[in-house]
Protein backbone atom coordinates (compact mmCIF):
# COMPACT_ATOMS: atom_id res chain seq x y z
CA MET A 1 0.00 0.00 0.00
CA LEU A 2 1.20 3.52 -0.70
CA THR A 3 3.16 5.14 2.08
CA HIS A 4 2.83 8.82 2.83
CA LEU A 5 6.41 9.82 2.25
CA ARG A 6 7.00 11.80 -0.90
CA ARG A 7 9.70 12.04 -3.52
CA LEU A 8 10.31 14.51 -6.31
CA PHE A 9 11.46 12.51 -9.32
CA ARG A 10 14.31 14.18 -11.12
CA SER A 11 13.42 14.97 -14.71
CA SER A 12 17.03 14.25 -15.68
CA ALA A 13 16.42 10.54 -15.05
CA ALA A 14 14.76 10.25 -18.43
CA GLN A 15 17.21 12.47 -20.31
CA ALA A 16 20.65 10.91 -19.90
CA PRO A 17 22.09 9.03 -22.88
CA ALA A 18 21.30 5.33 -23.04
CA PRO A 19 24.24 3.00 -22.47
CA ALA A 20 25.52 0.75 -25.21
CA VAL A 21 23.94 -2.70 -25.35
CA SER A 22 25.32 -6.04 -26.44
CA THR A 23 24.35 -8.05 -29.51
CA PRO A 24 20.82 -9.50 -29.34
CA PRO A 25 20.25 -13.26 -29.46
CA PRO A 26 19.51 -14.96 -32.81
CA ASP A 27 16.11 -14.12 -34.36
CA ILE A 28 15.55 -11.23 -31.94
CA HIS A 29 16.08 -7.73 -33.27
CA MET A 30 16.07 -5.37 -30.30
CA HIS A 31 15.07 -1.71 -30.51
CA TRP A 32 15.94 0.76 -27.76
CA PHE A 33 14.78 4.21 -26.79
CA GLY A 34 17.71 6.58 -27.15
CA ASP A 35 16.91 9.17 -24.47
CA THR A 36 16.88 7.06 -21.32
CA ARG A 37 19.34 6.57 -18.47
CA ARG A 38 18.96 2.76 -18.50
CA PRO A 39 18.32 0.41 -21.46
CA ILE A 40 14.57 0.67 -22.13
CA PRO A 41 13.36 -1.38 -25.12
CA ASP A 42 10.89 0.00 -27.64
CA TRP A 43 8.48 -2.91 -27.36
CA GLU A 44 6.14 -1.66 -30.07
CA ARG A 45 8.93 -1.87 -32.65
CA ILE A 46 10.06 -5.25 -31.33
CA ALA A 47 6.48 -6.55 -31.59
CA VAL A 48 6.51 -6.05 -35.37
CA ALA A 49 8.58 -9.25 -35.64
CA GLU A 50 5.90 -11.35 -33.95
CA ARG A 51 4.11 -13.53 -36.51
CA PRO A 52 0.34 -14.12 -36.35
CA ASP A 53 0.74 -17.82 -37.21
CA TRP A 54 2.93 -18.55 -34.16
CA SER A 55 1.61 -20.89 -31.51
CA ILE A 56 1.31 -19.71 -27.91
CA ALA A 57 4.53 -21.57 -27.14
CA GLU A 58 6.40 -19.89 -30.02
CA SER A 59 5.17 -16.44 -29.00
CA ASP A 60 6.10 -17.15 -25.40
CA ALA A 61 9.62 -18.19 -26.44
CA PHE A 62 10.08 -15.08 -28.61
CA TRP A 63 9.10 -12.66 -25.84
CA THR A 64 11.06 -14.52 -23.20
CA ALA A 65 14.19 -14.33 -25.37
CA ALA A 66 13.65 -10.59 -25.90
CA ALA A 67 13.15 -10.08 -22.16
CA GLU A 68 16.33 -12.01 -21.35
CA HIS A 69 18.35 -9.79 -23.67
CA TRP A 70 16.82 -6.67 -22.13
CA LEU A 71 17.68 -7.85 -18.62
CA ARG A 72 21.26 -8.71 -19.58
CA ALA A 73 21.69 -5.20 -20.97
CA LEU A 74 20.12 -3.70 -17.85
CA ALA A 75 22.39 -5.81 -15.62
CA GLU A 76 25.45 -4.52 -17.50
CA SER A 77 24.34 -0.93 -17.03
CA LEU A 78 23.64 -1.38 -13.30
CA GLY A 79 26.86 -3.26 -12.49
CA SER A 80 27.37 -4.12 -8.79
CA GLY A 81 26.92 -7.83 -9.32
CA TYR A 82 23.50 -7.76 -10.96
CA ARG A 83 22.68 -10.96 -12.83
CA VAL A 84 19.71 -12.65 -14.50
CA GLN A 85 18.23 -15.83 -13.03
CA SER A 86 15.18 -17.74 -14.17
CA SER A 87 12.53 -20.28 -13.22
CA GLU A 88 9.59 -21.81 -15.05
CA ARG A 89 7.51 -18.62 -15.32
CA PHE A 90 9.85 -15.86 -14.03
CA LEU A 91 12.97 -13.94 -15.00
CA LEU A 92 14.70 -12.20 -12.11
CA LEU A 93 17.26 -9.40 -12.31
CA THR A 94 18.99 -9.09 -8.95
CA ALA A 95 22.25 -8.79 -7.09
CA MET A 96 21.12 -11.30 -4.43
CA PRO A 97 23.38 -14.30 -3.80
CA PRO A 98 22.30 -17.19 -6.08
CA ALA A 99 20.76 -19.27 -3.27
CA GLN A 100 18.69 -16.33 -2.05
CA ALA A 101 17.60 -15.52 -5.59
CA GLN A 102 16.48 -19.10 -6.18
CA ALA A 103 14.48 -19.04 -2.93
CA TYR A 104 12.83 -15.84 -4.09
CA LEU A 105 11.98 -17.37 -7.47
CA LYS A 106 10.52 -20.41 -5.70
CA PHE A 107 8.24 -18.11 -3.71
CA CYS A 108 7.20 -16.30 -6.91
CA GLU A 109 6.23 -19.58 -8.57
CA THR A 110 4.25 -20.73 -5.50
CA ALA A 111 2.51 -17.37 -5.17
CA ARG A 112 1.61 -17.36 -8.85
CA ARG A 113 0.00 -20.79 -8.65
CA ARG A 114 -2.07 -19.75 -5.62
CA ILE A 115 -3.13 -16.44 -7.17
CA VAL A 116 -4.09 -18.06 -10.47
CA ARG A 117 -6.14 -20.58 -8.53
CA ASN A 118 -7.85 -17.78 -6.60
CA LEU A 119 -8.53 -15.61 -9.66
CA GLY A 120 -9.75 -18.51 -11.79
CA PRO A 121 -11.09 -17.28 -15.17
CA LEU A 122 -10.01 -13.71 -14.38
CA ALA A 123 -6.29 -14.52 -14.56
CA GLN A 124 -4.38 -13.85 -17.76
CA PRO A 125 -3.41 -17.12 -19.46
CA VAL A 126 0.20 -18.16 -19.98
CA GLY A 127 1.77 -16.50 -23.01
CA GLY A 128 3.70 -13.44 -24.07
CA GLY A 129 6.88 -14.27 -22.20
CA LYS A 130 7.86 -14.95 -18.61
CA HIS A 131 7.08 -12.56 -15.79
CA VAL A 132 9.96 -10.14 -15.24
CA CYS A 133 10.96 -9.01 -11.77
CA LEU A 134 13.63 -6.38 -11.09
CA VAL A 135 15.01 -6.22 -7.54
CA PHE A 136 17.24 -3.19 -6.98
CA ILE A 137 19.88 -3.01 -4.24
CA GLU A 138 19.25 0.61 -3.26
CA ASP A 139 16.32 3.00 -3.15
CA ASP A 140 18.09 5.47 -5.46
CA ALA A 141 18.51 2.85 -8.20
CA TYR A 142 14.88 1.76 -7.80
CA TYR A 143 13.45 5.30 -8.06
CA ASP A 144 15.86 6.25 -10.82
CA TYR A 145 14.59 3.30 -12.87
CA ILE A 146 10.85 3.70 -12.31
CA ALA A 147 11.12 7.44 -13.03
CA HIS A 148 11.34 6.46 -16.72
CA TYR A 149 7.66 5.49 -16.53
CA TYR A 150 6.38 8.69 -14.91
CA PRO A 151 5.83 12.14 -16.40
CA GLU A 152 8.90 14.32 -15.98
CA GLY A 153 9.09 16.05 -12.61
CA GLY A 154 6.21 15.96 -10.16
CA GLU A 155 5.68 14.60 -6.69
CA TYR A 156 4.67 10.99 -6.13
CA ALA A 157 4.15 8.72 -3.14
CA MET A 158 7.03 6.41 -2.33
CA SER A 159 6.48 2.68 -2.63
CA ALA A 160 7.96 -0.70 -1.76
CA GLY A 161 7.28 -2.01 -5.24
CA VAL A 162 5.39 -1.38 -8.44
CA PHE A 163 3.96 -3.23 -11.42
CA LEU A 164 4.86 -1.21 -14.51
CA ASN A 165 2.17 -2.02 -17.05
CA ALA A 166 3.93 -0.42 -19.98
CA GLY A 167 5.44 -2.26 -22.94
CA TYR A 168 6.57 -5.54 -21.42
CA GLY A 169 4.79 -5.36 -18.06
CA HIS A 170 7.18 -6.04 -15.19
CA PHE A 171 7.72 -5.71 -11.45
CA ALA A 172 10.25 -3.41 -9.84
CA LEU A 173 11.10 -3.78 -6.14
CA CYS A 174 13.81 -2.61 -3.77
CA GLU A 175 15.89 -5.05 -1.70
CA SER A 176 16.07 -2.52 1.14
CA HIS A 177 12.40 -3.33 1.83
CA ALA A 178 13.20 -7.01 2.38
CA ASP A 179 10.42 -7.56 4.90
CA ALA A 180 7.85 -6.35 2.37
CA MET A 181 9.17 -8.11 -0.73
CA GLN A 182 6.99 -11.23 -0.58
CA PRO A 183 3.71 -9.39 0.13
CA THR A 184 4.67 -6.83 -2.51
CA ILE A 185 5.20 -9.47 -5.19
CA ALA A 186 1.87 -11.09 -4.27
CA HIS A 187 0.15 -7.72 -4.65
CA GLU A 188 1.91 -6.76 -7.88
CA LEU A 189 1.59 -10.24 -9.38
CA THR A 190 -2.17 -9.92 -8.99
CA HIS A 191 -1.98 -6.72 -11.03
CA ALA A 192 0.07 -8.53 -13.66
CA LEU A 193 -2.46 -11.35 -13.94
CA LEU A 194 -5.31 -8.84 -14.27
CA ALA A 195 -3.47 -6.52 -16.68
CA HIS A 196 -5.37 -7.81 -19.73
CA LEU A 197 -8.66 -6.51 -18.27
CA PRO A 198 -9.55 -2.77 -18.57
CA ILE A 199 -10.91 -2.72 -15.04
CA PRO A 200 -11.16 0.41 -12.85
CA THR A 201 -8.29 1.18 -10.49
CA TRP A 202 -10.45 0.64 -7.39
CA LEU A 203 -11.37 -2.87 -8.53
CA ASN A 204 -7.79 -3.69 -9.52
CA GLU A 205 -6.33 -2.45 -6.23
CA GLY A 206 -9.09 -3.95 -4.12
CA MET A 207 -8.50 -7.38 -5.64
CA ALA A 208 -4.72 -7.02 -5.22
CA VAL A 209 -4.98 -6.07 -1.53
CA ASN A 210 -7.43 -8.87 -0.77
CA THR A 211 -5.23 -11.38 -2.60
CA GLU A 212 -2.17 -10.15 -0.69
CA HIS A 213 -4.04 -10.55 2.60
CA SER A 214 -5.22 -14.03 1.65
CA LEU A 215 -1.57 -15.10 1.28
CA PHE A 216 -0.38 -13.10 4.31
CA PRO A 217 -3.34 -12.96 6.73
CA HIS A 218 -1.33 -11.24 9.47
CA LEU A 219 -1.19 -8.10 7.29
CA ALA A 220 -4.97 -7.75 7.54
CA HIS A 221 -4.93 -7.81 11.34
CA PRO A 222 -5.78 -4.45 12.99
CA SER A 223 -2.44 -4.52 14.80
CA ALA A 224 -0.66 -4.33 11.43
CA GLN A 225 -2.55 -1.22 10.32
CA LEU A 226 -1.43 2.38 10.60
CA TYR A 227 -4.74 3.34 12.22
CA THR A 228 -7.23 1.53 14.43
CA PRO A 229 -10.61 0.54 12.91
CA ASP A 230 -12.30 3.44 14.72
CA GLU A 231 -9.66 5.90 13.52
CA ILE A 232 -9.91 4.74 9.90
CA GLU A 233 -13.71 5.01 10.04
CA ARG A 234 -13.51 8.59 11.30
CA LYS A 235 -10.97 9.44 8.61
CA HIS A 236 -13.26 8.02 5.91
CA ILE A 237 -16.19 10.10 7.15
CA LYS A 238 -14.10 13.27 7.27
CA PHE A 239 -12.35 12.79 3.94
CA TRP A 240 -14.93 11.59 1.42
CA THR A 241 -17.26 14.07 -0.22
CA ALA A 242 -19.34 13.98 -3.40
CA GLU A 243 -16.42 15.64 -5.19
CA ARG A 244 -13.63 13.48 -3.79
CA ILE A 245 -15.44 10.22 -4.48
CA GLN A 246 -15.08 11.04 -8.17
CA GLU A 247 -11.29 10.91 -7.69
CA PHE A 248 -11.79 7.43 -6.27
CA TRP A 249 -13.85 6.23 -9.23
CA SER A 250 -11.43 7.72 -11.78
CA GLY A 251 -8.39 6.30 -9.98
CA ALA A 252 -6.74 9.66 -9.27
CA ALA A 253 -7.20 9.34 -5.49
CA PHE A 254 -4.91 6.32 -5.37
CA HIS A 255 -1.99 8.56 -6.35
CA ARG A 256 -2.56 11.23 -3.71
CA THR A 257 0.33 11.91 -1.35
CA ASP A 258 -1.90 12.43 1.70
CA ASP A 259 -4.25 10.10 3.57
CA GLY A 260 -6.48 10.00 0.49
CA SER A 261 -4.29 7.24 -0.94
CA LEU A 262 -4.49 5.02 2.13
CA LEU A 263 -8.25 5.63 2.41
CA SER A 264 -8.72 4.75 -1.26
CA TYR A 265 -6.97 1.41 -0.82
CA ASP A 266 -8.97 0.66 2.32
CA LEU A 267 -12.28 1.56 0.67
CA ALA A 268 -11.44 -0.51 -2.42
CA LYS A 269 -10.45 -3.50 -0.29
CA LYS A 270 -13.73 -3.40 1.60
CA MET A 271 -15.85 -2.88 -1.52
CA VAL A 272 -14.26 -5.83 -3.32
CA ALA A 273 -14.68 -8.05 -0.26
CA LEU A 274 -18.40 -7.19 -0.18
CA ALA A 275 -18.94 -7.70 -3.92
CA ALA A 276 -17.00 -10.98 -3.96
CA HIS A 277 -19.38 -12.59 -1.47
CA ASP A 278 -21.52 -13.44 -4.48
CA HIS A 279 -18.81 -15.15 -6.52
CA ALA A 280 -21.18 -16.15 -9.32
CA ALA A 281 -22.05 -12.49 -9.95
CA PHE A 282 -18.63 -11.04 -9.13
CA VAL A 283 -16.69 -12.82 -11.89
CA PRO A 284 -18.98 -11.59 -14.74
CA PHE A 285 -18.85 -8.11 -13.17
CA VAL A 286 -15.03 -8.02 -13.24
CA LEU A 287 -14.94 -9.33 -16.81
CA ALA A 288 -17.32 -6.56 -17.93
CA ALA A 289 -16.07 -3.68 -15.73
CA HIS A 290 -14.32 -0.77 -17.45
CA ARG A 291 -12.23 2.06 -16.08
CA ASP A 292 -14.05 4.60 -18.25
CA ASP A 293 -17.11 4.61 -15.97
CA GLY A 294 -15.72 3.11 -12.75
CA GLY A 295 -17.58 -0.14 -13.37
CA ALA A 296 -21.03 1.50 -13.32
CA LYS A 297 -22.44 -0.19 -16.42
CA ALA A 298 -21.02 -3.61 -15.50
CA ALA A 299 -22.76 -3.42 -12.10
CA GLU A 300 -25.90 -4.79 -13.75
CA ARG A 301 -24.16 -8.16 -13.29
CA LEU A 302 -24.24 -7.50 -9.54
CA GLU A 303 -27.92 -6.50 -9.76
CA TYR A 304 -27.35 -3.29 -7.80
CA PRO A 305 -25.66 0.07 -8.56
CA VAL A 306 -21.91 0.09 -7.99
CA GLU A 307 -22.26 3.06 -5.62
CA ASN A 308 -24.14 0.78 -3.23
CA LEU A 309 -20.75 -0.75 -2.36
CA VAL A 310 -19.50 2.68 -1.25
CA GLU A 311 -22.67 3.26 0.73
CA ALA A 312 -22.20 -0.04 2.55
CA VAL A 313 -18.83 1.23 3.82
CA LEU A 314 -19.35 4.99 4.18
CA GLY A 315 -23.08 5.29 4.72
CA GLU A 316 -25.54 7.31 2.66
CA GLY A 317 -24.16 9.95 0.33
CA ASP A 318 -23.86 11.17 -3.24
CA TRP A 319 -21.51 8.40 -4.32
CA GLU A 320 -22.60 7.70 -7.93
CA PRO A 321 -19.79 7.71 -10.53
CA GLN A 322 -19.91 10.81 -12.74
CA PRO A 323 -17.33 10.02 -15.46
CA GLN A 324 -18.34 12.99 -17.62
CA GLY A 325 -16.68 15.29 -15.08
CA TRP A 326 -13.45 13.37 -14.58
CA ARG A 327 -10.18 15.02 -15.45
CA GLY A 328 -7.24 13.05 -16.79
CA PRO A 329 -5.37 10.78 -14.35
CA ILE A 330 -2.33 12.07 -12.51
CA GLN A 331 -0.21 9.63 -14.51
CA PRO A 332 -0.95 7.47 -17.56
CA GLU A 333 -3.44 4.66 -16.90
CA GLU A 334 -1.01 2.06 -18.15
CA SER A 335 1.95 3.56 -16.33
CA SER A 336 2.01 1.79 -13.01
CA SER A 337 0.28 0.37 -10.02
CA GLU A 338 2.06 1.05 -6.75
CA ARG A 339 1.82 -0.20 -3.26
């Protein structure tokens, strides 16, 4: 979940010359953006080589090979002992000792199997290359890298990890947050497995938090929260208004650098938990939900207006989504999902 510390990303992070990269593997022609600090592939140009008659296995092999070359180039640019390790469904760029890296990959594989089982038909099928996870040694390297995926300048909440749903979607985490790495990957992996669905941010984040808590139940305990249940309830009542709830529906509130971010995650978690009680209705709702209206039209699958979920948590109010009045998101919709 977003913390309430703040960081001003340096615009220079996206302006330094890109380092030289090594020769790509056979049958993979890599393309790189030329105005980035680290090697960032131009995935749209790379995708031109993908053939429509390829099987899922052939497409998977093509993208995995491209990702491996990208990670080798990134490892060279980072130095400090970074290397690429792999497992059945994951590629890991890290400077961890090999045994520790393999233990981390084993957790990733186990978590993926459990999350796929929990998500059922909502999970993205295998294909399009292995999951990519970047684990940076230091905070500075982590923020310097993810700054490539944010608008230049600006103030953003700090995070323990992020799923960057841009180009080749991938996870970025920082090793300095070691105690949060496993819950973070569970959270971000849920985002990755839902990335093919154009669902609203509140639904995406609510499912990710609930999935994270299903794997790590102690994180849902009141003792693990920043505020007590009574305190969080009072904060909800004080914060949410008819105007601010529109930030929640549009997704902008999740990127606030004040308590609005934490309250958005908490509200989303509770709304998803309520909606998911009726599993038979919830799955069709998620498959039909769209970020453009906050899931309002898809709520016919639930057989009640989507704002009823807000009312169940906050009480009566003017909570209906009003997408015609939404302004653009603080950052691109496909840019990232933080926690």
